[in-house]
Amino acid sequence: MDLRSRFMDEMKTSMKTGNAPRTSAIRMIIAKMKDADIAARPGPPLDDAALVGLLRGMVKSRRESVD
């Protein structure tokens, strides 16, 4: 299972359980993935390795904002 479908499944699960903070975080991740895909056009969508790098960047920026 690739990362995109895994995040979509996790979002559906969190919505069903009513976990609003988790749903919000997953929606933010999915939106960032879609933005990166749009920026990569007309080429193919990003692969899982590129998405992991994208997620690491998101984590880094959140940690820096906490500090």
Foldseek 3Di string as FASTA:
>chain_A
DFPLVVLVVVLVVCVVVVVVVVNVVSVVLNVQQVVQQVVPPPDGRDGRVVSVVVVVVVVVVVVVVVD
